[in-house]
PDB file of N, CA and C in Angstrom:
ATOM      1  N   MET A   1      13.656  -6.304  -5.467  1.00  0.00           N
ATOM      2  CA  MET A   1      13.085  -5.685  -6.643  1.00  0.00           C
ATOM      3  C   MET A   1      13.117  -4.168  -6.461  1.00  0.00           C
ATOM      4  N   GLU A   2      13.446  -3.487  -7.513  1.00  0.00           N
ATOM      5  CA  GLU A   2      13.523  -2.025  -7.509  1.00  0.00           C
ATOM      6  C   GLU A   2      12.133  -1.448  -7.181  1.00  0.00           C
ATOM      7  N   PRO A   3      12.043  -0.426  -6.298  1.00  0.00           N
ATOM      8  CA  PRO A   3      10.750   0.086  -5.835  1.00  0.00           C
ATOM      9  C   PRO A   3       9.771   0.493  -6.937  1.00  0.00           C
ATOM     10  N   THR A   4      10.253   1.136  -7.991  1.00  0.00           N
ATOM     11  CA  THR A   4       9.338   1.561  -9.056  1.00  0.00           C
ATOM     12  C   THR A   4       8.755   0.357  -9.782  1.00  0.00           C
ATOM     13  N   LEU A   5       9.588  -0.647 -10.053  1.00  0.00           N
ATOM     14  CA  LEU A   5       9.090  -1.864 -10.707  1.00  0.00           C
ATOM     15  C   LEU A   5       8.107  -2.600  -9.805  1.00  0.00           C
ATOM     16  N   TRP A   6       8.433  -2.678  -8.518  1.00  0.00           N
ATOM     17  CA  TRP A   6       7.537  -3.327  -7.563  1.00  0.00           C
ATOM     18  C   TRP A   6       6.184  -2.620  -7.529  1.00  0.00           C
ATOM     19  N   ALA A   7       6.200  -1.295  -7.422  1.00  0.00           N
ATOM     20  CA  ALA A   7       4.956  -0.529  -7.342  1.00  0.00           C
ATOM     21  C   ALA A   7       4.124  -0.700  -8.609  1.00  0.00           C
ATOM     22  N   GLN A   8       4.783  -0.702  -9.760  1.00  0.00           N
ATOM     23  CA  GLN A   8       4.068  -0.886 -11.025  1.00  0.00           C
ATOM     24  C   GLN A   8       3.429  -2.271 -11.077  1.00  0.00           C
ATOM     25  N   LYS A   9       4.172  -3.273 -10.637  1.00  0.00           N
ATOM     26  CA  LYS A   9       3.650  -4.643 -10.649  1.00  0.00           C
ATOM     27  C   LYS A   9       2.476  -4.782  -9.683  1.00  0.00           C
ATOM     28  N   GLN A  10       2.611  -4.224  -8.481  1.00  0.00           N
ATOM     29  CA  GLN A  10       1.570  -4.362  -7.463  1.00  0.00           C
ATOM     30  C   GLN A  10       0.310  -3.556  -7.767  1.00  0.00           C
ATOM     31  N   PHE A  11       0.486  -2.328  -8.248  1.00  0.00           N
ATOM     32  CA  PHE A  11      -0.649  -1.412  -8.322  1.00  0.00           C
ATOM     33  C   PHE A  11      -0.950  -0.876  -9.714  1.00  0.00           C
ATOM     34  N   GLY A  12      -0.153  -1.252 -10.699  1.00  0.00           N
ATOM     35  CA  GLY A  12      -0.334  -0.725 -12.049  1.00  0.00           C
ATOM     36  C   GLY A  12      -1.653  -1.091 -12.692  1.00  0.00           C
ATOM     37  N   GLN A  13      -2.300  -2.141 -12.190  1.00  0.00           N
ATOM     38  CA  GLN A  13      -3.586  -2.568 -12.743  1.00  0.00           C
ATOM     39  C   GLN A  13      -4.757  -2.207 -11.821  1.00  0.00           C
ATOM     40  N   ALA A  14      -4.523  -1.357 -10.840  1.00  0.00           N
ATOM     41  CA  ALA A  14      -5.602  -0.958  -9.928  1.00  0.00           C
ATOM     42  C   ALA A  14      -6.692  -0.228 -10.706  1.00  0.00           C
ATOM     43  N   HIS A  15      -7.933  -0.567 -10.398  1.00  0.00           N
ATOM     44  CA  HIS A  15      -9.082   0.061 -11.063  1.00  0.00           C
ATOM     45  C   HIS A  15      -9.584   1.214 -10.192  1.00  0.00           C
ATOM     46  N   LEU A  16      -9.111   2.412 -10.504  1.00  0.00           N
ATOM     47  CA  LEU A  16      -9.473   3.601  -9.722  1.00  0.00           C
ATOM     48  C   LEU A  16     -10.298   4.585 -10.544  1.00  0.00           C
ATOM     49  N   ASN A  17     -10.842   4.136 -11.667  1.00  0.00           N
ATOM     50  CA  ASN A  17     -11.737   4.914 -12.536  1.00  0.00           C
ATOM     51  C   ASN A  17     -11.080   6.085 -13.249  1.00  0.00           C
ATOM     52  N   ASP A  18      -9.775   6.167 -13.207  1.00  0.00           N
ATOM     53  CA  ASP A  18      -9.050   7.212 -13.932  1.00  0.00           C
ATOM     54  C   ASP A  18      -7.583   6.789 -13.962  1.00  0.00           C
ATOM     55  N   PRO A  19      -6.999   6.659 -15.155  1.00  0.00           N
ATOM     56  CA  PRO A  19      -5.602   6.210 -15.223  1.00  0.00           C
ATOM     57  C   PRO A  19      -4.632   7.123 -14.478  1.00  0.00           C
ATOM     58  N   ARG A  20      -4.980   8.399 -14.334  1.00  0.00           N
ATOM     59  CA  ARG A  20      -4.100   9.313 -13.591  1.00  0.00           C
ATOM     60  C   ARG A  20      -4.048   8.942 -12.117  1.00  0.00           C
ATOM     61  N   ARG A  21      -5.157   8.446 -11.583  1.00  0.00           N
ATOM     62  CA  ARG A  21      -5.174   8.006 -10.181  1.00  0.00           C
ATOM     63  C   ARG A  21      -4.260   6.795 -10.001  1.00  0.00           C
ATOM     64  N   THR A  22      -4.342   5.875 -10.959  1.00  0.00           N
ATOM     65  CA  THR A  22      -3.492   4.685 -10.884  1.00  0.00           C
ATOM     66  C   THR A  22      -2.023   5.082 -10.976  1.00  0.00           C
ATOM     67  N   GLN A  23      -1.707   6.016 -11.857  1.00  0.00           N
ATOM     68  CA  GLN A  23      -0.327   6.500 -11.983  1.00  0.00           C
ATOM     69  C   GLN A  23       0.138   7.145 -10.678  1.00  0.00           C
ATOM     70  N   ARG A  24      -0.740   7.903 -10.060  1.00  0.00           N
ATOM     71  CA  ARG A  24      -0.399   8.556  -8.788  1.00  0.00           C
ATOM     72  C   ARG A  24      -0.165   7.505  -7.699  1.00  0.00           C
ATOM     73  N   LEU A  25      -1.018   6.480  -7.672  1.00  0.00           N
ATOM     74  CA  LEU A  25      -0.854   5.400  -6.702  1.00  0.00           C
ATOM     75  C   LEU A  25       0.496   4.714  -6.878  1.00  0.00           C
ATOM     76  N   VAL A  26       0.853   4.396  -8.114  1.00  0.00           N
ATOM     77  CA  VAL A  26       2.133   3.741  -8.389  1.00  0.00           C
ATOM     78  C   VAL A  26       3.285   4.633  -7.936  1.00  0.00           C
ATOM     79  N   ALA A  27       3.210   5.916  -8.243  1.00  0.00           N
ATOM     80  CA  ALA A  27       4.279   6.847  -7.857  1.00  0.00           C
ATOM     81  C   ALA A  27       4.400   6.951  -6.335  1.00  0.00           C
ATOM     82  N   LEU A  28       3.258   7.055  -5.641  1.00  0.00           N
ATOM     83  CA  LEU A  28       3.288   7.135  -4.179  1.00  0.00           C
ATOM     84  C   LEU A  28       3.842   5.850  -3.568  1.00  0.00           C
ATOM     85  N   ALA A  29       3.386   4.713  -4.068  1.00  0.00           N
ATOM     86  CA  ALA A  29       3.863   3.430  -3.541  1.00  0.00           C
ATOM     87  C   ALA A  29       5.365   3.282  -3.747  1.00  0.00           C
ATOM     88  N   ALA A  30       5.850   3.690  -4.908  1.00  0.00           N
ATOM     89  CA  ALA A  30       7.290   3.606  -5.184  1.00  0.00           C
ATOM     90  C   ALA A  30       8.071   4.507  -4.229  1.00  0.00           C
ATOM     91  N   SER A  31       7.585   5.720  -4.021  1.00  0.00           N
ATOM     92  CA  SER A  31       8.264   6.647  -3.104  1.00  0.00           C
ATOM     93  C   SER A  31       8.281   6.104  -1.681  1.00  0.00           C
ATOM     94  N   LEU A  32       7.144   5.561  -1.243  1.00  0.00           N
ATOM     95  CA  LEU A  32       7.071   5.003   0.108  1.00  0.00           C
ATOM     96  C   LEU A  32       7.957   3.768   0.249  1.00  0.00           C
ATOM     97  N   ALA A  33       8.064   2.969  -0.804  1.00  0.00           N
ATOM     98  CA  ALA A  33       8.923   1.781  -0.763  1.00  0.00           C
ATOM     99  C   ALA A  33      10.401   2.162  -0.750  1.00  0.00           C
ATOM    100  N   GLU A  34      10.739   3.258  -1.411  1.00  0.00           N
ATOM    101  CA  GLU A  34      12.134   3.714  -1.435  1.00  0.00           C
ATOM    102  C   GLU A  34      12.578   4.231  -0.076  1.00  0.00           C
ATOM    103  N   GLN A  35      11.628   4.842   0.658  1.00  0.00           N
ATOM    104  CA  GLN A  35      11.965   5.438   1.952  1.00  0.00           C
ATOM    105  C   GLN A  35      10.904   5.065   2.985  1.00  0.00           C
ATOM    106  N   PRO A  36      10.869   3.805   3.416  1.00  0.00           N
ATOM    107  CA  PRO A  36       9.845   3.374   4.367  1.00  0.00           C
ATOM    108  C   PRO A  36       9.897   4.188   5.660  1.00  0.00           C
ATOM    109  N   GLY A  37       8.716   4.509   6.174  1.00  0.00           N
ATOM    110  CA  GLY A  37       8.633   5.236   7.428  1.00  0.00           C
ATOM    111  C   GLY A  37       8.736   6.742   7.303  1.00  0.00           C
ATOM    112  N   VAL A  38       9.041   7.230   6.108  1.00  0.00           N
ATOM    113  CA  VAL A  38       9.162   8.676   5.904  1.00  0.00           C
ATOM    114  C   VAL A  38       7.772   9.234   5.589  1.00  0.00           C
ATOM    115  N   PRO A  39       7.345  10.313   6.257  1.00  0.00           N
ATOM    116  CA  PRO A  39       6.027  10.882   5.953  1.00  0.00           C
ATOM    117  C   PRO A  39       5.966  11.435   4.528  1.00  0.00           C
ATOM    118  N   VAL A  40       4.758  11.441   3.970  1.00  0.00           N
ATOM    119  CA  VAL A  40       4.557  11.932   2.600  1.00  0.00           C
ATOM    120  C   VAL A  40       5.114  13.340   2.449  1.00  0.00           C
ATOM    121  N   SER A  41       4.948  14.163   3.467  1.00  0.00           N
ATOM    122  CA  SER A  41       5.429  15.545   3.383  1.00  0.00           C
ATOM    123  C   SER A  41       6.942  15.631   3.202  1.00  0.00           C
ATOM    124  N   LYS A  42       7.666  14.589   3.602  1.00  0.00           N
ATOM    125  CA  LYS A  42       9.126  14.579   3.446  1.00  0.00           C
ATOM    126  C   LYS A  42       9.578  13.826   2.195  1.00  0.00           C
ATOM    127  N   LEU A  43       8.692  13.026   1.615  1.00  0.00           N
ATOM    128  CA  LEU A  43       9.037  12.223   0.436  1.00  0.00           C
ATOM    129  C   LEU A  43       9.107  13.052  -0.838  1.00  0.00           C
ATOM    130  N   ILE A  44       8.228  14.029  -0.928  1.00  0.00           N
ATOM    131  CA  ILE A  44       8.002  14.716  -2.194  1.00  0.00           C
ATOM    132  C   ILE A  44       8.572  16.127  -2.126  1.00  0.00           C
ATOM    133  N   ILE A  45       9.371  16.467  -3.110  1.00  0.00           N
ATOM    134  CA  ILE A  45      10.032  17.769  -3.137  1.00  0.00           C
ATOM    135  C   ILE A  45       9.151  18.821  -3.805  1.00  0.00           C
ATOM    136  N   SER A  46       8.590  18.491  -4.939  1.00  0.00           N
ATOM    137  CA  SER A  46       7.823  19.446  -5.731  1.00  0.00           C
ATOM    138  C   SER A  46       6.491  19.784  -5.055  1.00  0.00           C
ATOM    139  N   PRO A  47       6.152  21.076  -4.934  1.00  0.00           N
ATOM    140  CA  PRO A  47       4.852  21.455  -4.370  1.00  0.00           C
ATOM    141  C   PRO A  47       3.681  20.873  -5.166  1.00  0.00           C
ATOM    142  N   ALA A  48       3.817  20.800  -6.477  1.00  0.00           N
ATOM    143  CA  ALA A  48       2.744  20.241  -7.310  1.00  0.00           C
ATOM    144  C   ALA A  48       2.559  18.749  -7.019  1.00  0.00           C
ATOM    145  N   GLU A  49       3.671  18.020  -6.871  1.00  0.00           N
ATOM    146  CA  GLU A  49       3.585  16.592  -6.547  1.00  0.00           C
ATOM    147  C   GLU A  49       2.979  16.379  -5.161  1.00  0.00           C
ATOM    148  N   MET A  50       3.350  17.242  -4.223  1.00  0.00           N
ATOM    149  CA  MET A  50       2.812  17.118  -2.877  1.00  0.00           C
ATOM    150  C   MET A  50       1.307  17.370  -2.879  1.00  0.00           C
ATOM    151  N   GLU A  51       0.871  18.393  -3.579  1.00  0.00           N
ATOM    152  CA  GLU A  51      -0.562  18.680  -3.668  1.00  0.00           C
ATOM    153  C   GLU A  51      -1.294  17.511  -4.317  1.00  0.00           C
ATOM    154  N   GLY A  52      -0.710  16.944  -5.375  1.00  0.00           N
ATOM    155  CA  GLY A  52      -1.310  15.786  -6.037  1.00  0.00           C
ATOM    156  C   GLY A  52      -1.413  14.592  -5.101  1.00  0.00           C
ATOM    157  N   ALA A  53      -0.385  14.373  -4.303  1.00  0.00           N
ATOM    158  CA  ALA A  53      -0.399  13.259  -3.351  1.00  0.00           C
ATOM    159  C   ALA A  53      -1.491  13.458  -2.304  1.00  0.00           C
ATOM    160  N   TYR A  54      -1.601  14.662  -1.771  1.00  0.00           N
ATOM    161  CA  TYR A  54      -2.631  14.921  -0.766  1.00  0.00           C
ATOM    162  C   TYR A  54      -4.032  14.863  -1.369  1.00  0.00           C
ATOM    163  N   ARG A  55      -4.189  15.318  -2.602  1.00  0.00           N
ATOM    164  CA  ARG A  55      -5.495  15.188  -3.276  1.00  0.00           C
ATOM    165  C   ARG A  55      -5.857  13.713  -3.431  1.00  0.00           C
ATOM    166  N   PHE A  56      -4.870  12.901  -3.790  1.00  0.00           N
ATOM    167  CA  PHE A  56      -5.097  11.461  -3.929  1.00  0.00           C
ATOM    168  C   PHE A  56      -5.541  10.870  -2.589  1.00  0.00           C
ATOM    169  N   ILE A  57      -4.825  11.197  -1.528  1.00  0.00           N
ATOM    170  CA  ILE A  57      -5.119  10.645  -0.204  1.00  0.00           C
ATOM    171  C   ILE A  57      -6.500  11.078   0.286  1.00  0.00           C
ATOM    172  N   ARG A  58      -6.887  12.320   0.011  1.00  0.00           N
ATOM    173  CA  ARG A  58      -8.178  12.841   0.475  1.00  0.00           C
ATOM    174  C   ARG A  58      -9.349  12.459  -0.420  1.00  0.00           C
ATOM    175  N   ASN A  59      -9.095  11.935  -1.605  1.00  0.00           N
ATOM    176  CA  ASN A  59     -10.139  11.665  -2.586  1.00  0.00           C
ATOM    177  C   ASN A  59     -11.074  10.557  -2.091  1.00  0.00           C
ATOM    178  N   GLU A  60     -12.323  10.909  -1.832  1.00  0.00           N
ATOM    179  CA  GLU A  60     -13.296   9.949  -1.316  1.00  0.00           C
ATOM    180  C   GLU A  60     -13.729   8.935  -2.368  1.00  0.00           C
ATOM    181  N   GLN A  61     -13.443   9.201  -3.635  1.00  0.00           N
ATOM    182  CA  GLN A  61     -13.797   8.253  -4.696  1.00  0.00           C
ATOM    183  C   GLN A  61     -12.784   7.113  -4.796  1.00  0.00           C
ATOM    184  N   ILE A  62     -11.658   7.258  -4.145  1.00  0.00           N
ATOM    185  CA  ILE A  62     -10.641   6.205  -4.137  1.00  0.00           C
ATOM    186  C   ILE A  62     -10.844   5.383  -2.872  1.00  0.00           C
ATOM    187  N   LYS A  63     -11.185   4.135  -3.060  1.00  0.00           N
ATOM    188  CA  LYS A  63     -11.476   3.242  -1.936  1.00  0.00           C
ATOM    189  C   LYS A  63     -10.260   2.377  -1.615  1.00  0.00           C
ATOM    190  N   ALA A  64      -9.995   2.225  -0.347  1.00  0.00           N
ATOM    191  CA  ALA A  64      -8.879   1.374   0.090  1.00  0.00           C
ATOM    192  C   ALA A  64      -9.039  -0.042  -0.448  1.00  0.00           C
ATOM    193  N   GLU A  65     -10.278  -0.499  -0.551  1.00  0.00           N
ATOM    194  CA  GLU A  65     -10.539  -1.850  -1.052  1.00  0.00           C
ATOM    195  C   GLU A  65     -10.047  -2.012  -2.487  1.00  0.00           C
ATOM    196  N   ASP A  66     -10.192  -0.966  -3.303  1.00  0.00           N
ATOM    197  CA  ASP A  66      -9.747  -1.033  -4.697  1.00  0.00           C
ATOM    198  C   ASP A  66      -8.223  -1.124  -4.788  1.00  0.00           C
ATOM    199  N   ILE A  67      -7.549  -0.410  -3.904  1.00  0.00           N
ATOM    200  CA  ILE A  67      -6.086  -0.468  -3.868  1.00  0.00           C
ATOM    201  C   ILE A  67      -5.650  -1.851  -3.381  1.00  0.00           C
ATOM    202  N   ALA A  68      -6.274  -2.318  -2.311  1.00  0.00           N
ATOM    203  CA  ALA A  68      -5.921  -3.630  -1.757  1.00  0.00           C
ATOM    204  C   ALA A  68      -6.189  -4.740  -2.768  1.00  0.00           C
ATOM    205  N   GLU A  69      -7.296  -4.647  -3.487  1.00  0.00           N
ATOM    206  CA  GLU A  69      -7.646  -5.684  -4.466  1.00  0.00           C
ATOM    207  C   GLU A  69      -6.556  -5.857  -5.519  1.00  0.00           C
ATOM    208  N   ALA A  70      -5.960  -4.761  -5.941  1.00  0.00           N
ATOM    209  CA  ALA A  70      -4.878  -4.844  -6.925  1.00  0.00           C
ATOM    210  C   ALA A  70      -3.716  -5.659  -6.359  1.00  0.00           C
ATOM    211  N   GLY A  71      -3.349  -5.391  -5.124  1.00  0.00           N
ATOM    212  CA  GLY A  71      -2.270  -6.140  -4.488  1.00  0.00           C
ATOM    213  C   GLY A  71      -2.639  -7.593  -4.240  1.00  0.00           C
ATOM    214  N   PHE A  72      -3.893  -7.846  -3.843  1.00  0.00           N
ATOM    215  CA  PHE A  72      -4.346  -9.219  -3.616  1.00  0.00           C
ATOM    216  C   PHE A  72      -4.262 -10.028  -4.901  1.00  0.00           C
ATOM    217  N   TYR A  73      -4.680  -9.419  -6.009  1.00  0.00           N
ATOM    218  CA  TYR A  73      -4.677 -10.119  -7.297  1.00  0.00           C
ATOM    219  C   TYR A  73      -3.256 -10.533  -7.681  1.00  0.00           C
ATOM    220  N   VAL A  74      -2.317  -9.603  -7.557  1.00  0.00           N
ATOM    221  CA  VAL A  74      -0.922  -9.901  -7.906  1.00  0.00           C
ATOM    222  C   VAL A  74      -0.379 -11.012  -7.006  1.00  0.00           C
ATOM    223  N   THR A  75      -0.679 -10.946  -5.719  1.00  0.00           N
ATOM    224  CA  THR A  75      -0.217 -11.971  -4.785  1.00  0.00           C
ATOM    225  C   THR A  75      -0.801 -13.337  -5.139  1.00  0.00           C
ATOM    226  N   ALA A  76      -2.088 -13.374  -5.478  1.00  0.00           N
ATOM    227  CA  ALA A  76      -2.726 -14.638  -5.858  1.00  0.00           C
ATOM    228  C   ALA A  76      -2.101 -15.207  -7.127  1.00  0.00           C
ATOM    229  N   GLN A  77      -1.815 -14.349  -8.101  1.00  0.00           N
ATOM    230  CA  GLN A  77      -1.188 -14.812  -9.341  1.00  0.00           C
ATOM    231  C   GLN A  77       0.199 -15.390  -9.066  1.00  0.00           C
ATOM    232  N   GLU A  78       0.957 -14.733  -8.211  1.00  0.00           N
ATOM    233  CA  GLU A  78       2.292 -15.234  -7.871  1.00  0.00           C
ATOM    234  C   GLU A  78       2.204 -16.555  -7.113  1.00  0.00           C
ATOM    235  N   ALA A  79       1.196 -16.703  -6.262  1.00  0.00           N
ATOM    236  CA  ALA A  79       1.023 -17.949  -5.511  1.00  0.00           C
ATOM    237  C   ALA A  79       0.719 -19.114  -6.448  1.00  0.00           C
ATOM    238  N   LEU A  80      -0.040 -18.856  -7.508  1.00  0.00           N
ATOM    239  CA  LEU A  80      -0.374 -19.909  -8.471  1.00  0.00           C
ATOM    240  C   LEU A  80       0.859 -20.451  -9.189  1.00  0.00           C
ATOM    241  N   GLU A  81       1.895 -19.642  -9.271  1.00  0.00           N
ATOM    242  CA  GLU A  81       3.112 -20.037  -9.984  1.00  0.00           C
ATOM    243  C   GLU A  81       4.056 -20.878  -9.125  1.00  0.00           C
ATOM    244  N   GLN A  82       3.754 -21.024  -7.843  1.00  0.00           N
ATOM    245  CA  GLN A  82       4.644 -21.732  -6.922  1.00  0.00           C
ATOM    246  C   GLN A  82       4.240 -23.198  -6.794  1.00  0.00           C
ATOM    247  N   GLN A  83       5.231 -24.087  -6.719  1.00  0.00           N
ATOM    248  CA  GLN A  83       4.946 -25.502  -6.481  1.00  0.00           C
ATOM    249  C   GLN A  83       4.531 -25.739  -5.034  1.00  0.00           C
ATOM    250  N   THR A  84       5.199 -25.055  -4.129  1.00  0.00           N
ATOM    251  CA  THR A  84       4.918 -25.207  -2.704  1.00  0.00           C
ATOM    252  C   THR A  84       4.615 -23.839  -2.125  1.00  0.00           C
ATOM    253  N   LEU A  85       3.564 -23.777  -1.338  1.00  0.00           N
ATOM    254  CA  LEU A  85       3.177 -22.521  -0.711  1.00  0.00           C
ATOM    255  C   LEU A  85       2.976 -22.785   0.774  1.00  0.00           C
ATOM    256  N   LEU A  86       3.699 -22.072   1.601  1.00  0.00           N
ATOM    257  CA  LEU A  86       3.559 -22.214   3.044  1.00  0.00           C
ATOM    258  C   LEU A  86       2.568 -21.181   3.549  1.00  0.00           C
ATOM    259  N   ALA A  87       1.581 -21.627   4.312  1.00  0.00           N
ATOM    260  CA  ALA A  87       0.602 -20.726   4.912  1.00  0.00           C
ATOM    261  C   ALA A  87       0.898 -20.675   6.408  1.00  0.00           C
ATOM    262  N   LEU A  88       1.656 -19.688   6.816  1.00  0.00           N
ATOM    263  CA  LEU A  88       2.075 -19.555   8.210  1.00  0.00           C
ATOM    264  C   LEU A  88       1.103 -18.658   8.957  1.00  0.00           C
ATOM    265  N   GLU A  89       0.897 -18.966  10.224  1.00  0.00           N
ATOM    266  CA  GLU A  89      -0.034 -18.177  11.021  1.00  0.00           C
ATOM    267  C   GLU A  89       0.546 -17.984  12.415  1.00  0.00           C
ATOM    268  N   ASP A  90       0.436 -16.786  12.914  1.00  0.00           N
ATOM    269  CA  ASP A  90       0.852 -16.492  14.279  1.00  0.00           C
ATOM    270  C   ASP A  90      -0.415 -16.446  15.123  1.00  0.00           C
ATOM    271  N   THR A  91      -0.571 -17.396  16.015  1.00  0.00           N
ATOM    272  CA  THR A  91      -1.787 -17.455  16.830  1.00  0.00           C
ATOM    273  C   THR A  91      -1.574 -16.865  18.219  1.00  0.00           C
ATOM    274  N   THR A  92      -0.505 -16.109  18.381  1.00  0.00           N
ATOM    275  CA  THR A  92      -0.221 -15.478  19.668  1.00  0.00           C
ATOM    276  C   THR A  92      -1.326 -14.486  20.009  1.00  0.00           C
ATOM    277  N   SER A  93      -1.749 -14.486  21.252  1.00  0.00           N
ATOM    278  CA  SER A  93      -2.693 -13.465  21.705  1.00  0.00           C
ATOM    279  C   SER A  93      -2.194 -12.928  23.048  1.00  0.00           C
ATOM    280  N   LEU A  94      -2.491 -11.694  23.295  1.00  0.00           N
ATOM    281  CA  LEU A  94      -2.063 -11.040  24.530  1.00  0.00           C
ATOM    282  C   LEU A  94      -3.290 -10.626  25.323  1.00  0.00           C
ATOM    283  N   SER A  95      -3.218 -10.773  26.613  1.00  0.00           N
ATOM    284  CA  SER A  95      -4.312 -10.357  27.480  1.00  0.00           C
ATOM    285  C   SER A  95      -3.726  -9.537  28.621  1.00  0.00           C
ATOM    286  N   TYR A  96      -4.269  -8.364  28.806  1.00  0.00           N
ATOM    287  CA  TYR A  96      -3.839  -7.497  29.899  1.00  0.00           C
ATOM    288  C   TYR A  96      -4.965  -7.319  30.921  1.00  0.00           C
ATOM    289  N   SER A  97      -5.887  -8.270  30.963  1.00  0.00           N
ATOM    290  CA  SER A  97      -7.035  -8.142  31.862  1.00  0.00           C
ATOM    291  C   SER A  97      -6.627  -8.181  33.335  1.00  0.00           C
ATOM    292  N   HIS A  98      -5.462  -8.723  33.643  1.00  0.00           N
ATOM    293  CA  HIS A  98      -4.986  -8.778  35.023  1.00  0.00           C
ATOM    294  C   HIS A  98      -4.451  -7.429  35.507  1.00  0.00           C
ATOM    295  N   ARG A  99      -4.278  -6.500  34.600  1.00  0.00           N
ATOM    296  CA  ARG A  99      -3.737  -5.184  34.954  1.00  0.00           C
ATOM    297  C   ARG A  99      -4.875  -4.281  35.413  1.00  0.00           C
ATOM    298  N   SER A 100      -4.618  -3.482  36.429  1.00  0.00           N
ATOM    299  CA  SER A 100      -5.631  -2.540  36.893  1.00  0.00           C
ATOM    300  C   SER A 100      -5.296  -1.141  36.388  1.00  0.00           C
ATOM    301  N   ILE A 101      -6.307  -0.332  36.259  1.00  0.00           N
ATOM    302  CA  ILE A 101      -6.117   1.057  35.825  1.00  0.00           C
ATOM    303  C   ILE A 101      -5.804   1.895  37.057  1.00  0.00           C
ATOM    304  N   ARG A 102      -4.724   2.648  36.976  1.00  0.00           N
ATOM    305  CA  ARG A 102      -4.327   3.496  38.099  1.00  0.00           C
ATOM    306  C   ARG A 102      -4.375   4.948  37.673  1.00  0.00           C
ATOM    307  N   ASP A 103      -4.793   5.789  38.581  1.00  0.00           N
ATOM    308  CA  ASP A 103      -4.835   7.232  38.293  1.00  0.00           C
ATOM    309  C   ASP A 103      -3.483   7.848  38.437  1.00  0.00           C
TER     310      ASP A 103
END
């Protein structure tokens, strides 16, 4: 799926108390999906867009839970449309208690 369409589908209905915040979230998600692993400072060319992105990231009124909830809702809706749903789990655990700390 094209990154902009994916971002709109995943986050376009996020309740962030201001439609401009939701638009910014969709734009950031699309940019990050287009270039995974690239820092925000390298994703955005325009100084105004970069300032907007950093304001969004620093905004204490935007809760990670609200962003996650939008994605959870879309995932749940898509799961309801499937005849078969596999719930896979990785139960691997690692223990390094046998290792000693060395100076």
